[in-house]
C-alpha cells in the first residue's frame, strides 16, 4: 500500500494512451493485434484474446506488447505462460533475439528475462517465462521435476479433483501485472485455471484454434482474428 500511495500515477491510467505503433516491419495482422490489445487495455478490460494462425507471428506480436507495456505503461512484472518446456525454451530464444523498432539494443539488454527452472522467482525479473505446471507448483510450495513439463496440461490425467491454490506470501496476487498465456486453448481449464485465478493480473490469451470455452473464458473479448483461411 505504501508503494502504491507513493506513485503519482496508476498502471490503468498509463494504459489509457499508448504512443502510436511504428508499423514498419510488422505484418498487418500483427499491427491489428497490437493496436487491438492496447485499445482493450485502455478500456480496462481484464481479459483479451488474440486469435492468430500458426506461423503468423504470435510470439513476436506478444513480445512487442510486452515491450510496450514495460516501457510505456511501466508494468512491473509480466508472466509469459506456456504449456510445455519446449515452448518455454522457444519463447526465451525469441525474447533474446527481439530488437524493438525504437531502440538499437536487444530486449535482454533493456529488461530482465528469466525462464523459471526452479521453485524460486527472481524478484528483479521483468519477464518470467514458465510452464503453467511449474507456476502451479511454485504457488503450492513444491519442487517440480522437468519431466512433468514435457507434456501439455491438456494431455495430463488429473485425479482427485481441483486442488486449490492457497495464498503464498512470497508471491502475492499482485506479483504480476500481466499474464500472457500461449496456446491458451490447451491450458486454462480444470486444475490449471487456479494459477490464473490466483493472480490479480490482466490476462492475454494467444491461440490459433480457440473453441467456445476459450471465447467464454476471455469474456468474448477477441481483439484480433487472423484465421488459417486468411493466412
C-alpha atoms as a PDB file:
ATOM      1  CA  UNK A   1       0.000   0.000   0.000  1.00  0.00           C
ATOM      2  CA  UNK A   2       2.852   2.366   0.829  1.00  0.00           C
ATOM      3  CA  UNK A   3       4.368   1.749  -2.609  1.00  0.00           C
ATOM      4  CA  UNK A   4       1.061   2.395  -4.373  1.00  0.00           C
ATOM      5  CA  UNK A   5       0.429   5.622  -2.431  1.00  0.00           C
ATOM      6  CA  UNK A   6       3.901   6.915  -3.277  1.00  0.00           C
ATOM      7  CA  UNK A   7       3.283   6.561  -7.028  1.00  0.00           C
ATOM      8  CA  UNK A   8       1.699   9.616  -8.628  1.00  0.00           C
ATOM      9  CA  UNK A   9       0.095   7.652 -11.470  1.00  0.00           C
ATOM     10  CA  UNK A  10      -1.517   4.226 -11.842  1.00  0.00           C
ATOM     11  CA  UNK A  11      -0.978   1.372 -14.261  1.00  0.00           C
ATOM     12  CA  UNK A  12      -4.540   1.565 -15.527  1.00  0.00           C
ATOM     13  CA  UNK A  13      -4.237   5.296 -16.097  1.00  0.00           C
ATOM     14  CA  UNK A  14      -0.978   4.899 -18.015  1.00  0.00           C
ATOM     15  CA  UNK A  15      -2.644   2.345 -20.290  1.00  0.00           C
ATOM     16  CA  UNK A  16      -5.290   4.804 -21.440  1.00  0.00           C
ATOM     17  CA  UNK A  17      -2.989   6.159 -24.116  1.00  0.00           C
ATOM     18  CA  UNK A  18      -0.068   4.360 -25.762  1.00  0.00           C
ATOM     19  CA  UNK A  19       2.208   6.108 -28.287  1.00  0.00           C
ATOM     20  CA  UNK A  20       1.346   5.135 -31.882  1.00  0.00           C
ATOM     21  CA  UNK A  21       2.984   1.932 -33.096  1.00  0.00           C
ATOM     22  CA  UNK A  22       5.592   2.368 -35.844  1.00  0.00           C
ATOM     23  CA  UNK A  23       4.151  -0.204 -38.243  1.00  0.00           C
ATOM     24  CA  UNK A  24       7.159  -0.831 -40.494  1.00  0.00           C
ATOM     25  CA  UNK A  25       8.418  -4.384 -40.183  1.00  0.00           C
ATOM     26  CA  UNK A  26       5.108  -5.754 -38.921  1.00  0.00           C
ATOM     27  CA  UNK A  27       2.507  -7.787 -40.769  1.00  0.00           C
ATOM     28  CA  UNK A  28      -0.960  -6.273 -40.997  1.00  0.00           C
ATOM     29  CA  UNK A  29      -2.375  -8.961 -38.694  1.00  0.00           C
ATOM     30  CA  UNK A  30       0.283  -8.155 -36.076  1.00  0.00           C
ATOM     31  CA  UNK A  31      -0.493  -4.439 -36.198  1.00  0.00           C
ATOM     32  CA  UNK A  32      -4.187  -5.219 -35.746  1.00  0.00           C
ATOM     33  CA  UNK A  33      -3.442  -7.445 -32.741  1.00  0.00           C
ATOM     34  CA  UNK A  34      -1.112  -4.952 -31.028  1.00  0.00           C
ATOM     35  CA  UNK A  35      -3.446  -1.984 -31.517  1.00  0.00           C
ATOM     36  CA  UNK A  36      -6.493  -4.047 -30.587  1.00  0.00           C
ATOM     37  CA  UNK A  37      -4.902  -5.219 -27.358  1.00  0.00           C
ATOM     38  CA  UNK A  38      -3.858  -1.712 -26.362  1.00  0.00           C
ATOM     39  CA  UNK A  39      -7.378  -0.464 -27.079  1.00  0.00           C
ATOM     40  CA  UNK A  40      -8.684  -3.222 -24.816  1.00  0.00           C
ATOM     41  CA  UNK A  41      -6.273  -2.153 -22.075  1.00  0.00           C
ATOM     42  CA  UNK A  42      -7.375   1.474 -22.387  1.00  0.00           C
ATOM     43  CA  UNK A  43     -10.942   0.311 -21.779  1.00  0.00           C
ATOM     44  CA  UNK A  44      -9.800  -1.505 -18.605  1.00  0.00           C
ATOM     45  CA  UNK A  45     -10.956  -4.906 -19.841  1.00  0.00           C
ATOM     46  CA  UNK A  46      -9.262  -7.595 -17.725  1.00  0.00           C
ATOM     47  CA  UNK A  47      -9.146 -10.376 -20.340  1.00  0.00           C
ATOM     48  CA  UNK A  48      -8.322 -10.302 -24.049  1.00  0.00           C
ATOM     49  CA  UNK A  49      -7.867 -12.972 -26.709  1.00  0.00           C
ATOM     50  CA  UNK A  50      -5.609 -12.845 -29.768  1.00  0.00           C
ATOM     51  CA  UNK A  51      -6.516 -15.438 -32.391  1.00  0.00           C
ATOM     52  CA  UNK A  52      -3.698 -15.748 -34.900  1.00  0.00           C
ATOM     53  CA  UNK A  53      -2.924 -18.556 -37.328  1.00  0.00           C
ATOM     54  CA  UNK A  54       0.139 -20.705 -36.684  1.00  0.00           C
ATOM     55  CA  UNK A  55       3.192 -19.169 -38.343  1.00  0.00           C
ATOM     56  CA  UNK A  56       1.746 -15.653 -38.421  1.00  0.00           C
ATOM     57  CA  UNK A  57       3.996 -14.406 -35.616  1.00  0.00           C
ATOM     58  CA  UNK A  58       2.016 -14.719 -32.362  1.00  0.00           C
ATOM     59  CA  UNK A  59       5.111 -14.744 -30.164  1.00  0.00           C
ATOM     60  CA  UNK A  60       6.706 -11.761 -31.908  1.00  0.00           C
ATOM     61  CA  UNK A  61       3.423  -9.877 -31.526  1.00  0.00           C
ATOM     62  CA  UNK A  62       3.235 -10.780 -27.838  1.00  0.00           C
ATOM     63  CA  UNK A  63       6.833  -9.673 -27.194  1.00  0.00           C
ATOM     64  CA  UNK A  64       6.113  -6.341 -28.857  1.00  0.00           C
ATOM     65  CA  UNK A  65       3.167  -5.902 -26.494  1.00  0.00           C
ATOM     66  CA  UNK A  66       5.374  -6.876 -23.547  1.00  0.00           C
ATOM     67  CA  UNK A  67       7.977  -4.307 -24.566  1.00  0.00           C
ATOM     68  CA  UNK A  68       5.387  -1.541 -24.906  1.00  0.00           C
ATOM     69  CA  UNK A  69       3.782  -2.448 -21.573  1.00  0.00           C
ATOM     70  CA  UNK A  70       7.139  -2.305 -19.793  1.00  0.00           C
ATOM     71  CA  UNK A  71       8.252   0.904 -21.468  1.00  0.00           C
ATOM     72  CA  UNK A  72       5.091   2.969 -21.708  1.00  0.00           C
ATOM     73  CA  UNK A  73       2.751   1.531 -19.077  1.00  0.00           C
ATOM     74  CA  UNK A  74       5.692   0.912 -16.709  1.00  0.00           C
ATOM     75  CA  UNK A  75       4.476  -2.579 -15.888  1.00  0.00           C
ATOM     76  CA  UNK A  76       6.464  -4.080 -13.019  1.00  0.00           C
ATOM     77  CA  UNK A  77       6.437  -7.762 -13.915  1.00  0.00           C
ATOM     78  CA  UNK A  78       4.898  -9.871 -16.708  1.00  0.00           C
ATOM     79  CA  UNK A  79       4.382 -13.642 -16.770  1.00  0.00           C
ATOM     80  CA  UNK A  80       4.602 -15.489 -20.088  1.00  0.00           C
ATOM     81  CA  UNK A  81       2.906 -18.858 -19.569  1.00  0.00           C
ATOM     82  CA  UNK A  82       3.456 -21.845 -21.839  1.00  0.00           C
ATOM     83  CA  UNK A  83       2.250 -25.415 -21.503  1.00  0.00           C
ATOM     84  CA  UNK A  84       5.458 -27.332 -22.297  1.00  0.00           C
ATOM     85  CA  UNK A  85       9.161 -26.887 -21.539  1.00  0.00           C
ATOM     86  CA  UNK A  86       9.950 -26.875 -25.266  1.00  0.00           C
ATOM     87  CA  UNK A  87       7.643 -23.909 -25.904  1.00  0.00           C
ATOM     88  CA  UNK A  88       9.228 -22.098 -22.968  1.00  0.00           C
ATOM     89  CA  UNK A  89      12.690 -22.529 -24.467  1.00  0.00           C
ATOM     90  CA  UNK A  90      11.437 -21.268 -27.830  1.00  0.00           C
ATOM     91  CA  UNK A  91       9.841 -18.221 -26.205  1.00  0.00           C
ATOM     92  CA  UNK A  92      13.051 -17.467 -24.282  1.00  0.00           C
ATOM     93  CA  UNK A  93      15.019 -17.534 -27.532  1.00  0.00           C
ATOM     94  CA  UNK A  94      12.512 -15.181 -29.177  1.00  0.00           C
ATOM     95  CA  UNK A  95      12.892 -12.695 -26.313  1.00  0.00           C
ATOM     96  CA  UNK A  96      16.679 -12.895 -26.605  1.00  0.00           C
ATOM     97  CA  UNK A  97      16.601 -12.081 -30.337  1.00  0.00           C
ATOM     98  CA  UNK A  98      13.955  -9.347 -30.161  1.00  0.00           C
ATOM     99  CA  UNK A  99      15.131  -5.842 -31.048  1.00  0.00           C
ATOM    100  CA  UNK A 100      12.486  -3.091 -30.708  1.00  0.00           C
ATOM    101  CA  UNK A 101      11.998  -0.632 -33.529  1.00  0.00           C
ATOM    102  CA  UNK A 102      12.728   2.396 -31.330  1.00  0.00           C
ATOM    103  CA  UNK A 103      15.969   1.144 -29.729  1.00  0.00           C
ATOM    104  CA  UNK A 104      19.218  -0.351 -31.012  1.00  0.00           C
ATOM    105  CA  UNK A 105      19.559  -2.719 -28.051  1.00  0.00           C
ATOM    106  CA  UNK A 106      18.185  -6.240 -27.740  1.00  0.00           C
ATOM    107  CA  UNK A 107      15.345  -6.950 -25.322  1.00  0.00           C
ATOM    108  CA  UNK A 108      17.548  -8.612 -22.621  1.00  0.00           C
ATOM    109  CA  UNK A 109      19.769  -5.515 -22.592  1.00  0.00           C
ATOM    110  CA  UNK A 110      16.740  -3.432 -21.626  1.00  0.00           C
ATOM    111  CA  UNK A 111      14.758  -5.748 -19.349  1.00  0.00           C
ATOM    112  CA  UNK A 112      15.500  -8.845 -17.309  1.00  0.00           C
ATOM    113  CA  UNK A 113      14.075 -12.058 -18.797  1.00  0.00           C
ATOM    114  CA  UNK A 114      14.054 -15.266 -16.781  1.00  0.00           C
ATOM    115  CA  UNK A 115      12.786 -18.720 -17.712  1.00  0.00           C
ATOM    116  CA  UNK A 116      11.801 -20.398 -14.464  1.00  0.00           C
ATOM    117  CA  UNK A 117      13.524 -23.714 -13.811  1.00  0.00           C
ATOM    118  CA  UNK A 118      13.234 -23.929 -10.006  1.00  0.00           C
ATOM    119  CA  UNK A 119      10.754 -23.128  -7.242  1.00  0.00           C
ATOM    120  CA  UNK A 120      12.073 -19.570  -6.924  1.00  0.00           C
ATOM    121  CA  UNK A 121      11.077 -16.487  -8.923  1.00  0.00           C
ATOM    122  CA  UNK A 122      13.756 -13.747  -9.104  1.00  0.00           C
ATOM    123  CA  UNK A 123      12.286 -10.507  -7.776  1.00  0.00           C
ATOM    124  CA  UNK A 124      14.288  -8.433 -10.291  1.00  0.00           C
ATOM    125  CA  UNK A 125      12.868 -10.230 -13.351  1.00  0.00           C
ATOM    126  CA  UNK A 126      10.692  -8.061 -15.595  1.00  0.00           C
ATOM    127  CA  UNK A 127       9.555 -11.032 -17.692  1.00  0.00           C
ATOM    128  CA  UNK A 128       9.134 -14.540 -16.309  1.00  0.00           C
ATOM    129  CA  UNK A 129       8.672 -17.460 -18.697  1.00  0.00           C
ATOM    130  CA  UNK A 130       7.165 -20.547 -17.110  1.00  0.00           C
ATOM    131  CA  UNK A 131       5.053 -23.582 -17.794  1.00  0.00           C
ATOM    132  CA  UNK A 132       1.710 -23.408 -16.084  1.00  0.00           C
ATOM    133  CA  UNK A 133       2.618 -26.676 -14.328  1.00  0.00           C
ATOM    134  CA  UNK A 134       5.704 -25.091 -12.733  1.00  0.00           C
ATOM    135  CA  UNK A 135       3.836 -21.963 -11.682  1.00  0.00           C
ATOM    136  CA  UNK A 136       1.192 -24.143 -10.068  1.00  0.00           C
ATOM    137  CA  UNK A 137       3.910 -25.998  -8.131  1.00  0.00           C
ATOM    138  CA  UNK A 138       5.584 -22.732  -7.085  1.00  0.00           C
ATOM    139  CA  UNK A 139       2.341 -21.436  -5.621  1.00  0.00           C
ATOM    140  CA  UNK A 140       1.826 -24.737  -3.835  1.00  0.00           C
ATOM    141  CA  UNK A 141       5.378 -24.518  -2.430  1.00  0.00           C
ATOM    142  CA  UNK A 142       6.597 -27.637  -4.196  1.00  0.00           C
ATOM    143  CA  UNK A 143       9.512 -28.564  -6.443  1.00  0.00           C
ATOM    144  CA  UNK A 144       8.753 -29.866  -9.939  1.00  0.00           C
ATOM    145  CA  UNK A 145      10.671 -32.391 -11.998  1.00  0.00           C
ATOM    146  CA  UNK A 146      11.312 -31.034 -15.503  1.00  0.00           C
ATOM    147  CA  UNK A 147       9.904 -34.243 -16.977  1.00  0.00           C
ATOM    148  CA  UNK A 148       6.483 -33.031 -15.834  1.00  0.00           C
ATOM    149  CA  UNK A 149       6.849 -30.017 -18.133  1.00  0.00           C
ATOM    150  CA  UNK A 150       7.261 -32.012 -21.329  1.00  0.00           C
ATOM    151  CA  UNK A 151       3.575 -32.874 -21.683  1.00  0.00           C
ATOM    152  CA  UNK A 152       0.838 -30.328 -22.284  1.00  0.00           C
ATOM    153  CA  UNK A 153      -1.593 -29.990 -19.341  1.00  0.00           C
ATOM    154  CA  UNK A 154      -4.340 -30.717 -21.849  1.00  0.00           C
ATOM    155  CA  UNK A 155      -2.990 -34.269 -22.188  1.00  0.00           C
ATOM    156  CA  UNK A 156      -2.433 -34.922 -18.480  1.00  0.00           C
ATOM    157  CA  UNK A 157      -4.806 -37.044 -16.441  1.00  0.00           C
ATOM    158  CA  UNK A 158      -5.608 -35.229 -13.220  1.00  0.00           C
ATOM    159  CA  UNK A 159      -7.110 -37.256 -10.385  1.00  0.00           C
ATOM    160  CA  UNK A 160      -8.566 -36.141  -7.079  1.00  0.00           C
ATOM    161  CA  UNK A 161     -10.499 -33.118  -8.350  1.00  0.00           C
ATOM    162  CA  UNK A 162      -9.500 -29.463  -8.182  1.00  0.00           C
ATOM    163  CA  UNK A 163      -6.675 -28.714  -5.734  1.00  0.00           C
ATOM    164  CA  UNK A 164      -6.972 -25.157  -4.508  1.00  0.00           C
ATOM    165  CA  UNK A 165      -4.013 -22.798  -4.709  1.00  0.00           C
ATOM    166  CA  UNK A 166      -3.597 -21.050  -1.374  1.00  0.00           C
ATOM    167  CA  UNK A 167      -2.084 -17.664  -0.560  1.00  0.00           C
ATOM    168  CA  UNK A 168       1.696 -17.638  -0.979  1.00  0.00           C
ATOM    169  CA  UNK A 169       3.312 -14.690   0.857  1.00  0.00           C
ATOM    170  CA  UNK A 170       6.411 -14.882  -1.354  1.00  0.00           C
ATOM    171  CA  UNK A 171       4.307 -14.375  -4.486  1.00  0.00           C
ATOM    172  CA  UNK A 172       1.145 -12.447  -3.577  1.00  0.00           C
ATOM    173  CA  UNK A 173      -1.730 -11.969  -6.055  1.00  0.00           C
ATOM    174  CA  UNK A 174      -0.356  -8.594  -7.213  1.00  0.00           C
ATOM    175  CA  UNK A 175       3.076 -10.095  -8.089  1.00  0.00           C
ATOM    176  CA  UNK A 176       2.376  -9.962 -11.846  1.00  0.00           C
ATOM    177  CA  UNK A 177       0.666  -7.100 -13.681  1.00  0.00           C
ATOM    178  CA  UNK A 178       0.021  -9.115 -16.849  1.00  0.00           C
ATOM    179  CA  UNK A 179      -0.136 -12.784 -17.744  1.00  0.00           C
ATOM    180  CA  UNK A 180       0.211 -13.891 -21.367  1.00  0.00           C
ATOM    181  CA  UNK A 181      -0.996 -17.464 -21.957  1.00  0.00           C
ATOM    182  CA  UNK A 182       0.426 -19.101 -25.073  1.00  0.00           C
ATOM    183  CA  UNK A 183      -1.684 -21.873 -26.662  1.00  0.00           C
ATOM    184  CA  UNK A 184      -4.341 -20.851 -24.156  1.00  0.00           C
ATOM    185  CA  UNK A 185      -6.960 -23.222 -25.596  1.00  0.00           C
ATOM    186  CA  UNK A 186      -4.960 -26.108 -24.082  1.00  0.00           C
ATOM    187  CA  UNK A 187      -4.088 -24.903 -20.598  1.00  0.00           C
ATOM    188  CA  UNK A 188      -6.649 -22.621 -18.967  1.00  0.00           C
ATOM    189  CA  UNK A 189      -9.148 -25.148 -17.702  1.00  0.00           C
ATOM    190  CA  UNK A 190      -9.642 -27.548 -14.818  1.00  0.00           C
ATOM    191  CA  UNK A 191      -6.964 -27.584 -12.108  1.00  0.00           C
ATOM    192  CA  UNK A 192      -4.606 -25.292 -14.032  1.00  0.00           C
ATOM    193  CA  UNK A 193      -7.040 -22.368 -14.044  1.00  0.00           C
ATOM    194  CA  UNK A 194      -6.180 -21.956 -10.360  1.00  0.00           C
ATOM    195  CA  UNK A 195      -2.941 -20.259 -11.406  1.00  0.00           C
ATOM    196  CA  UNK A 196      -4.789 -17.629 -13.426  1.00  0.00           C
ATOM    197  CA  UNK A 197      -7.480 -17.096 -10.798  1.00  0.00           C
ATOM    198  CA  UNK A 198      -4.850 -16.587  -8.096  1.00  0.00           C
ATOM    199  CA  UNK A 199      -3.127 -13.574  -9.644  1.00  0.00           C
ATOM    200  CA  UNK A 200      -4.743 -10.147  -9.906  1.00  0.00           C
ATOM    201  CA  UNK A 201      -3.467  -9.507 -13.414  1.00  0.00           C
ATOM    202  CA  UNK A 202      -4.650  -8.670 -16.911  1.00  0.00           C
ATOM    203  CA  UNK A 203      -4.907 -11.905 -18.915  1.00  0.00           C
ATOM    204  CA  UNK A 204      -3.940 -12.123 -22.603  1.00  0.00           C
ATOM    205  CA  UNK A 205      -4.603 -15.353 -24.472  1.00  0.00           C
ATOM    206  CA  UNK A 206      -2.766 -16.443 -27.635  1.00  0.00           C
ATOM    207  CA  UNK A 207      -4.121 -19.227 -29.813  1.00  0.00           C
ATOM    208  CA  UNK A 208      -4.708 -20.271 -33.392  1.00  0.00           C
ATOM    209  CA  UNK A 209      -7.641 -22.547 -32.560  1.00  0.00           C
ATOM    210  CA  UNK A 210      -9.985 -21.186 -29.894  1.00  0.00           C
ATOM    211  CA  UNK A 211     -13.187 -23.022 -29.003  1.00  0.00           C
ATOM    212  CA  UNK A 212     -16.369 -21.938 -27.220  1.00  0.00           C
ATOM    213  CA  UNK A 213     -14.782 -22.371 -23.796  1.00  0.00           C
ATOM    214  CA  UNK A 214     -11.861 -20.167 -24.830  1.00  0.00           C
ATOM    215  CA  UNK A 215     -14.139 -17.364 -26.011  1.00  0.00           C
ATOM    216  CA  UNK A 216     -16.158 -17.624 -22.802  1.00  0.00           C
ATOM    217  CA  UNK A 217     -13.075 -17.516 -20.570  1.00  0.00           C
ATOM    218  CA  UNK A 218     -11.914 -14.288 -22.244  1.00  0.00           C
ATOM    219  CA  UNK A 219     -15.386 -12.725 -21.989  1.00  0.00           C
ATOM    220  CA  UNK A 220     -15.818 -12.768 -25.788  1.00  0.00           C
ATOM    221  CA  UNK A 221     -13.184 -10.011 -25.971  1.00  0.00           C
ATOM    222  CA  UNK A 222     -11.415 -11.050 -29.187  1.00  0.00           C
ATOM    223  CA  UNK A 223      -9.106  -8.151 -30.023  1.00  0.00           C
ATOM    224  CA  UNK A 224      -7.766  -9.724 -33.212  1.00  0.00           C
ATOM    225  CA  UNK A 225      -8.764 -12.569 -35.538  1.00  0.00           C
ATOM    226  CA  UNK A 226      -6.435 -13.931 -38.218  1.00  0.00           C
ATOM    227  CA  UNK A 227      -7.601 -17.365 -39.275  1.00  0.00           C
ATOM    228  CA  UNK A 228      -5.850 -20.099 -41.245  1.00  0.00           C
ATOM    229  CA  UNK A 229      -8.062 -19.258 -44.219  1.00  0.00           C
ATOM    230  CA  UNK A 230      -6.962 -15.625 -44.139  1.00  0.00           C
ATOM    231  CA  UNK A 231      -3.327 -16.669 -43.767  1.00  0.00           C
END
